[in-house]
């Protein structure tokens, strides 16, 4: 199944996709927009382009497992994608994905503007990889 993943942020939203066999997750783009309806529309367009059957939205739960305002915004995004664009969605705990993304970019020595441009897409890849692992187990 082709799955699109989303790392939704206030100013930037990272997008990643996996192949139909769920073997390889790859970054797609970063959406530079903070207005929820516009972000949802662009995600729906990308899901259509990539023929995604599922959109996984990263859920930034707190370290204690509770959900805060950012988590509520991510749930709003998922509901909008389901209701307005008829996309199947799922939520995935994204705790520490940004930390992992920074580590990955350290390994490749990606710095400065290059780092800022890709960090959200790399986070979306990690969310998707974690989701695929969870599904297999």
N, C-alpha and C. Protein backbone atom coordinates (compact mmCIF):
# COMPACT_ATOMS: atom_id res chain seq x y z
N UNK A 1 0.85 -1.17 0.00
CA UNK A 1 0.00 0.00 0.00
C UNK A 1 0.90 1.24 0.00
N UNK A 2 0.58 2.20 -0.83
CA UNK A 2 1.33 3.46 -0.85
C UNK A 2 0.79 4.34 0.29
N UNK A 3 1.71 4.79 1.14
CA UNK A 3 1.35 5.59 2.30
C UNK A 3 2.09 6.91 2.24
N UNK A 4 1.36 7.99 2.50
CA UNK A 4 1.94 9.33 2.58
C UNK A 4 2.01 9.68 4.06
N UNK A 5 3.12 10.25 4.51
CA UNK A 5 3.20 10.67 5.91
C UNK A 5 3.40 12.16 6.00
N UNK A 6 2.95 12.72 7.12
CA UNK A 6 2.92 14.17 7.30
C UNK A 6 3.52 14.53 8.65
N UNK A 7 4.50 15.45 8.62
CA UNK A 7 5.02 16.06 9.83
C UNK A 7 4.52 17.51 9.81
N UNK A 8 3.37 17.73 10.43
CA UNK A 8 2.65 19.02 10.35
C UNK A 8 3.24 20.02 11.34
N UNK A 9 3.60 21.19 10.82
CA UNK A 9 4.16 22.24 11.66
C UNK A 9 3.46 23.56 11.43
N UNK A 10 3.76 24.53 12.29
CA UNK A 10 3.13 25.85 12.18
C UNK A 10 3.49 26.58 10.89
N UNK A 11 4.72 26.44 10.44
CA UNK A 11 5.17 27.15 9.24
C UNK A 11 5.56 26.20 8.10
N UNK A 12 6.03 25.00 8.45
CA UNK A 12 6.47 24.04 7.45
C UNK A 12 5.90 22.66 7.77
N UNK A 13 5.55 21.93 6.71
CA UNK A 13 5.02 20.58 6.86
C UNK A 13 5.80 19.65 5.96
N UNK A 14 6.43 18.66 6.57
CA UNK A 14 7.20 17.68 5.81
C UNK A 14 6.32 16.56 5.31
N UNK A 15 6.60 16.10 4.09
CA UNK A 15 5.83 15.03 3.47
C UNK A 15 6.80 13.94 3.00
N UNK A 16 6.43 12.68 3.23
CA UNK A 16 7.19 11.54 2.75
C UNK A 16 6.21 10.51 2.20
N UNK A 17 6.73 9.58 1.43
CA UNK A 17 5.89 8.54 0.84
C UNK A 17 6.67 7.23 0.80
N UNK A 18 5.95 6.12 0.84
CA UNK A 18 6.60 4.83 0.68
C UNK A 18 6.09 4.16 -0.59
N UNK A 19 6.83 3.17 -1.04
CA UNK A 19 6.44 2.41 -2.22
C UNK A 19 5.30 1.46 -1.86
N UNK A 20 4.70 0.85 -2.86
CA UNK A 20 3.54 -0.03 -2.66
C UNK A 20 3.86 -1.25 -1.80
N UNK A 21 5.12 -1.65 -1.75
CA UNK A 21 5.52 -2.81 -0.94
C UNK A 21 5.90 -2.42 0.48
N UNK A 22 5.85 -1.11 0.77
CA UNK A 22 6.18 -0.57 2.09
C UNK A 22 7.60 -0.93 2.52
N UNK A 23 8.52 -0.85 1.56
CA UNK A 23 9.92 -1.16 1.84
C UNK A 23 10.77 0.10 1.98
N UNK A 24 10.45 1.12 1.20
CA UNK A 24 11.30 2.30 1.15
C UNK A 24 10.48 3.57 1.36
N UNK A 25 10.84 4.33 2.39
CA UNK A 25 10.21 5.63 2.64
C UNK A 25 11.15 6.71 2.12
N UNK A 26 10.59 7.66 1.38
CA UNK A 26 11.40 8.72 0.78
C UNK A 26 10.78 10.08 1.04
N UNK A 27 11.61 11.10 1.21
CA UNK A 27 11.06 12.45 1.36
C UNK A 27 10.44 12.91 0.04
N UNK A 28 9.36 13.68 0.14
CA UNK A 28 8.70 14.19 -1.06
C UNK A 28 8.93 15.69 -1.18
N UNK A 29 8.53 16.43 -0.14
CA UNK A 29 8.63 17.88 -0.18
C UNK A 29 8.40 18.45 1.21
N UNK A 30 8.58 19.76 1.30
CA UNK A 30 8.19 20.52 2.48
C UNK A 30 7.22 21.58 2.01
N UNK A 31 6.05 21.62 2.63
CA UNK A 31 5.04 22.62 2.31
C UNK A 31 5.31 23.82 3.21
N UNK A 32 5.54 24.97 2.59
CA UNK A 32 5.82 26.20 3.34
C UNK A 32 4.54 26.99 3.49
N UNK A 33 3.72 26.57 4.44
CA UNK A 33 2.40 27.17 4.67
C UNK A 33 1.96 26.80 6.07
N UNK A 34 1.29 27.70 6.75
CA UNK A 34 0.82 27.42 8.09
C UNK A 34 -0.69 27.35 8.22
N UNK A 35 -1.40 27.82 7.19
CA UNK A 35 -2.87 27.88 7.24
C UNK A 35 -3.43 26.48 6.97
N UNK A 36 -4.10 25.92 7.96
CA UNK A 36 -4.55 24.53 7.93
C UNK A 36 -5.29 24.14 6.65
N UNK A 37 -6.30 24.89 6.20
CA UNK A 37 -7.00 24.48 4.97
C UNK A 37 -6.08 24.41 3.74
N UNK A 38 -5.14 25.31 3.62
CA UNK A 38 -4.21 25.28 2.48
C UNK A 38 -3.27 24.09 2.58
N UNK A 39 -2.81 23.80 3.79
CA UNK A 39 -1.93 22.64 3.99
C UNK A 39 -2.69 21.36 3.64
N UNK A 40 -3.93 21.25 4.11
CA UNK A 40 -4.74 20.06 3.83
C UNK A 40 -4.95 19.90 2.32
N UNK A 41 -5.23 20.99 1.63
CA UNK A 41 -5.45 20.92 0.19
C UNK A 41 -4.19 20.42 -0.52
N UNK A 42 -3.03 20.94 -0.14
CA UNK A 42 -1.77 20.52 -0.77
C UNK A 42 -1.47 19.06 -0.46
N UNK A 43 -1.74 18.62 0.76
CA UNK A 43 -1.54 17.21 1.11
C UNK A 43 -2.45 16.33 0.26
N UNK A 44 -3.70 16.75 0.09
CA UNK A 44 -4.64 15.98 -0.73
C UNK A 44 -4.15 15.89 -2.18
N UNK A 45 -3.60 16.98 -2.70
CA UNK A 45 -3.06 16.98 -4.06
C UNK A 45 -1.89 15.99 -4.16
N UNK A 46 -1.00 16.03 -3.18
CA UNK A 46 0.15 15.13 -3.18
C UNK A 46 -0.29 13.67 -3.04
N UNK A 47 -1.29 13.43 -2.19
CA UNK A 47 -1.80 12.07 -2.01
C UNK A 47 -2.36 11.55 -3.34
N UNK A 48 -3.05 12.40 -4.07
CA UNK A 48 -3.59 12.02 -5.37
C UNK A 48 -2.47 11.76 -6.37
N UNK A 49 -1.48 12.66 -6.43
CA UNK A 49 -0.34 12.49 -7.34
C UNK A 49 0.40 11.19 -7.09
N UNK A 50 0.60 10.87 -5.83
CA UNK A 50 1.37 9.69 -5.45
C UNK A 50 0.52 8.43 -5.37
N UNK A 51 -0.79 8.60 -5.54
CA UNK A 51 -1.75 7.49 -5.44
C UNK A 51 -1.73 6.83 -4.06
N UNK A 52 -1.61 7.65 -3.05
CA UNK A 52 -1.55 7.15 -1.67
C UNK A 52 -2.92 6.64 -1.23
N UNK A 53 -2.91 5.50 -0.58
CA UNK A 53 -4.15 4.91 -0.06
C UNK A 53 -4.38 5.28 1.40
N UNK A 54 -3.37 5.83 2.04
CA UNK A 54 -3.44 6.19 3.45
C UNK A 54 -2.52 7.38 3.70
N UNK A 55 -2.98 8.29 4.56
CA UNK A 55 -2.15 9.42 5.00
C UNK A 55 -1.93 9.26 6.50
N UNK A 56 -0.67 9.15 6.90
CA UNK A 56 -0.32 9.03 8.31
C UNK A 56 0.13 10.40 8.79
N UNK A 57 -0.57 10.92 9.79
CA UNK A 57 -0.26 12.23 10.35
C UNK A 57 0.50 12.03 11.66
N UNK A 58 1.67 12.63 11.76
CA UNK A 58 2.44 12.55 12.99
C UNK A 58 1.70 13.23 14.12
N UNK A 59 1.65 12.57 15.27
CA UNK A 59 0.95 13.08 16.44
C UNK A 59 1.98 13.42 17.52
N UNK A 60 2.24 14.71 17.73
CA UNK A 60 3.28 15.11 18.69
C UNK A 60 2.80 15.06 20.14
N UNK A 61 2.64 13.86 20.65
CA UNK A 61 2.21 13.72 22.04
C UNK A 61 3.36 14.13 22.96
N UNK A 62 3.01 14.56 24.15
CA UNK A 62 4.02 14.94 25.14
C UNK A 62 4.76 13.71 25.63
N UNK A 63 5.91 13.92 26.25
CA UNK A 63 6.73 12.81 26.71
C UNK A 63 6.01 11.94 27.73
N UNK A 64 5.04 12.52 28.46
CA UNK A 64 4.27 11.73 29.43
C UNK A 64 3.07 11.03 28.79
N UNK A 65 2.92 11.16 27.46
CA UNK A 65 1.84 10.49 26.76
C UNK A 65 0.57 11.32 26.61
N UNK A 66 0.53 12.48 27.26
CA UNK A 66 -0.65 13.34 27.14
C UNK A 66 -0.62 14.10 25.82
N UNK A 67 -1.78 14.58 25.41
CA UNK A 67 -1.88 15.33 24.17
C UNK A 67 -2.11 16.81 24.47
N UNK A 68 -1.34 17.66 23.81
CA UNK A 68 -1.45 19.09 24.00
C UNK A 68 -2.06 19.78 22.80
N UNK A 69 -1.96 21.10 22.75
CA UNK A 69 -2.55 21.87 21.65
C UNK A 69 -2.02 21.49 20.26
N UNK A 70 -0.74 21.19 20.16
CA UNK A 70 -0.16 20.82 18.86
C UNK A 70 -0.76 19.51 18.37
N UNK A 71 -0.96 18.57 19.29
CA UNK A 71 -1.57 17.29 18.95
C UNK A 71 -3.01 17.50 18.46
N UNK A 72 -3.72 18.41 19.10
CA UNK A 72 -5.10 18.71 18.67
C UNK A 72 -5.13 19.26 17.25
N UNK A 73 -4.15 20.12 16.91
CA UNK A 73 -4.08 20.66 15.54
C UNK A 73 -3.83 19.55 14.53
N UNK A 74 -3.00 18.59 14.90
CA UNK A 74 -2.72 17.47 14.00
C UNK A 74 -3.97 16.61 13.80
N UNK A 75 -4.73 16.43 14.87
CA UNK A 75 -5.99 15.69 14.75
C UNK A 75 -6.98 16.45 13.87
N UNK A 76 -7.00 17.78 13.99
CA UNK A 76 -7.85 18.60 13.12
C UNK A 76 -7.48 18.40 11.66
N UNK A 77 -6.18 18.37 11.39
CA UNK A 77 -5.71 18.15 10.02
C UNK A 77 -6.21 16.80 9.51
N UNK A 78 -6.06 15.75 10.31
CA UNK A 78 -6.51 14.42 9.90
C UNK A 78 -8.02 14.41 9.63
N UNK A 79 -8.79 15.07 10.49
CA UNK A 79 -10.25 15.12 10.29
C UNK A 79 -10.60 15.87 9.01
N UNK A 80 -9.88 16.94 8.73
CA UNK A 80 -10.11 17.71 7.51
C UNK A 80 -9.79 16.87 6.27
N UNK A 81 -8.69 16.15 6.32
CA UNK A 81 -8.32 15.29 5.19
C UNK A 81 -9.36 14.20 4.96
N UNK A 82 -9.92 13.67 6.04
CA UNK A 82 -10.95 12.64 5.91
C UNK A 82 -12.27 13.23 5.41
N UNK A 83 -12.71 14.31 6.05
CA UNK A 83 -14.01 14.88 5.74
C UNK A 83 -14.08 15.61 4.41
N UNK A 84 -13.14 16.49 4.16
CA UNK A 84 -13.15 17.33 2.97
C UNK A 84 -12.61 16.61 1.73
N UNK A 85 -11.58 15.78 1.94
CA UNK A 85 -10.89 15.16 0.79
C UNK A 85 -11.07 13.65 0.71
N UNK A 86 -11.82 13.08 1.65
CA UNK A 86 -12.16 11.65 1.64
C UNK A 86 -10.92 10.75 1.62
N UNK A 87 -9.90 11.18 2.37
CA UNK A 87 -8.68 10.39 2.48
C UNK A 87 -8.73 9.57 3.76
N UNK A 88 -8.25 8.34 3.69
CA UNK A 88 -8.12 7.51 4.88
C UNK A 88 -6.89 8.00 5.64
N UNK A 89 -7.03 8.24 6.95
CA UNK A 89 -5.90 8.72 7.75
C UNK A 89 -5.68 7.85 8.98
N UNK A 90 -4.49 7.96 9.51
CA UNK A 90 -4.15 7.33 10.78
C UNK A 90 -3.17 8.28 11.48
N UNK A 91 -3.10 8.19 12.78
CA UNK A 91 -2.19 9.01 13.57
C UNK A 91 -1.02 8.14 14.03
N UNK A 92 0.17 8.75 14.11
CA UNK A 92 1.35 8.03 14.56
C UNK A 92 2.11 8.88 15.56
N UNK A 93 2.42 8.30 16.70
CA UNK A 93 3.21 8.99 17.72
C UNK A 93 4.53 9.42 17.10
N UNK A 94 4.82 10.71 17.17
CA UNK A 94 6.04 11.21 16.55
C UNK A 94 7.05 11.75 17.57
N UNK A 95 6.92 11.32 18.82
CA UNK A 95 7.88 11.77 19.83
C UNK A 95 9.31 11.51 19.38
N UNK A 96 10.13 12.52 19.49
CA UNK A 96 11.57 12.47 19.22
C UNK A 96 11.94 12.28 17.75
N UNK A 97 10.98 12.37 16.82
CA UNK A 97 11.36 12.21 15.41
C UNK A 97 12.25 13.35 14.94
N UNK A 98 12.02 14.57 15.44
CA UNK A 98 12.87 15.69 15.03
C UNK A 98 14.29 15.49 15.54
N UNK A 99 14.41 14.94 16.74
CA UNK A 99 15.75 14.64 17.29
C UNK A 99 16.45 13.61 16.40
N UNK A 100 15.72 12.56 16.00
CA UNK A 100 16.28 11.55 15.10
C UNK A 100 16.66 12.15 13.76
N UNK A 101 15.81 13.05 13.26
CA UNK A 101 16.10 13.70 11.97
C UNK A 101 17.37 14.53 12.06
N UNK A 102 17.54 15.25 13.16
CA UNK A 102 18.78 16.03 13.35
C UNK A 102 19.99 15.10 13.39
N UNK A 103 19.86 13.97 14.05
CA UNK A 103 20.98 13.01 14.10
C UNK A 103 21.32 12.51 12.70
N UNK A 104 20.29 12.19 11.91
CA UNK A 104 20.52 11.71 10.55
C UNK A 104 21.22 12.77 9.71
N UNK A 105 20.82 14.01 9.87
CA UNK A 105 21.44 15.08 9.10
C UNK A 105 22.86 15.38 9.60
N UNK A 106 23.13 15.11 10.87
CA UNK A 106 24.50 15.25 11.38
C UNK A 106 25.42 14.24 10.69
N UNK A 107 24.92 13.03 10.50
CA UNK A 107 25.71 11.98 9.85
C UNK A 107 26.08 12.39 8.43
N UNK A 108 25.15 13.04 7.75
CA UNK A 108 25.42 13.47 6.36
C UNK A 108 26.06 14.85 6.30
N UNK A 109 26.32 15.43 7.47
CA UNK A 109 26.95 16.75 7.57
C UNK A 109 26.13 17.83 6.85
N UNK A 110 24.82 17.75 6.95
CA UNK A 110 23.93 18.75 6.35
C UNK A 110 23.77 19.89 7.34
N UNK A 111 24.11 21.08 6.91
CA UNK A 111 24.12 22.24 7.81
C UNK A 111 23.39 23.43 7.20
N UNK A 112 23.13 24.43 8.05
CA UNK A 112 22.61 25.72 7.62
C UNK A 112 21.27 25.67 6.90
N UNK A 113 21.19 26.41 5.80
CA UNK A 113 19.95 26.50 5.04
C UNK A 113 19.53 25.14 4.48
N UNK A 114 20.49 24.33 4.08
CA UNK A 114 20.17 23.00 3.56
C UNK A 114 19.45 22.17 4.62
N UNK A 115 19.92 22.27 5.86
CA UNK A 115 19.33 21.51 6.96
C UNK A 115 17.90 21.96 7.22
N UNK A 116 17.70 23.27 7.29
CA UNK A 116 16.37 23.81 7.56
C UNK A 116 15.39 23.42 6.46
N UNK A 117 15.88 23.33 5.23
CA UNK A 117 15.03 23.02 4.09
C UNK A 117 14.54 21.58 4.10
N UNK A 118 15.27 20.67 4.72
CA UNK A 118 14.91 19.25 4.63
C UNK A 118 14.51 18.60 5.96
N UNK A 119 14.72 19.26 7.06
CA UNK A 119 14.50 18.63 8.37
C UNK A 119 13.07 18.09 8.52
N UNK A 120 12.08 18.83 8.04
CA UNK A 120 10.68 18.39 8.19
C UNK A 120 10.37 17.18 7.31
N UNK A 121 10.94 17.15 6.11
CA UNK A 121 10.74 16.00 5.23
C UNK A 121 11.43 14.76 5.80
N UNK A 122 12.60 14.94 6.40
CA UNK A 122 13.30 13.82 7.04
C UNK A 122 12.49 13.31 8.23
N UNK A 123 11.90 14.23 8.99
CA UNK A 123 11.03 13.83 10.10
C UNK A 123 9.84 13.02 9.59
N UNK A 124 9.27 13.43 8.45
CA UNK A 124 8.14 12.69 7.86
C UNK A 124 8.57 11.29 7.45
N UNK A 125 9.80 11.16 6.95
CA UNK A 125 10.32 9.84 6.59
C UNK A 125 10.40 8.96 7.84
N UNK A 126 10.89 9.51 8.93
CA UNK A 126 11.03 8.74 10.18
C UNK A 126 9.65 8.33 10.70
N UNK A 127 8.68 9.24 10.64
CA UNK A 127 7.31 8.91 11.05
C UNK A 127 6.81 7.72 10.23
N UNK A 128 7.03 7.78 8.92
CA UNK A 128 6.55 6.72 8.04
C UNK A 128 7.28 5.40 8.31
N UNK A 129 8.58 5.45 8.50
CA UNK A 129 9.33 4.23 8.81
C UNK A 129 8.84 3.61 10.12
N UNK A 130 8.60 4.44 11.12
CA UNK A 130 8.08 3.94 12.40
C UNK A 130 6.69 3.33 12.23
N UNK A 131 5.86 3.96 11.41
CA UNK A 131 4.51 3.45 11.17
C UNK A 131 4.57 2.08 10.48
N UNK A 132 5.42 1.96 9.49
CA UNK A 132 5.54 0.69 8.77
C UNK A 132 6.04 -0.41 9.71
N UNK A 133 7.03 -0.09 10.55
CA UNK A 133 7.53 -1.07 11.54
C UNK A 133 6.42 -1.49 12.49
N UNK A 134 5.63 -0.51 12.96
CA UNK A 134 4.54 -0.81 13.88
C UNK A 134 3.51 -1.74 13.23
N UNK A 135 3.19 -1.47 11.96
CA UNK A 135 2.23 -2.31 11.24
C UNK A 135 2.70 -3.75 11.11
N UNK A 136 4.00 -3.91 10.87
CA UNK A 136 4.55 -5.26 10.71
C UNK A 136 4.52 -6.04 12.00
N UNK A 137 4.68 -5.34 13.11
CA UNK A 137 4.70 -6.03 14.42
C UNK A 137 3.31 -6.10 14.91
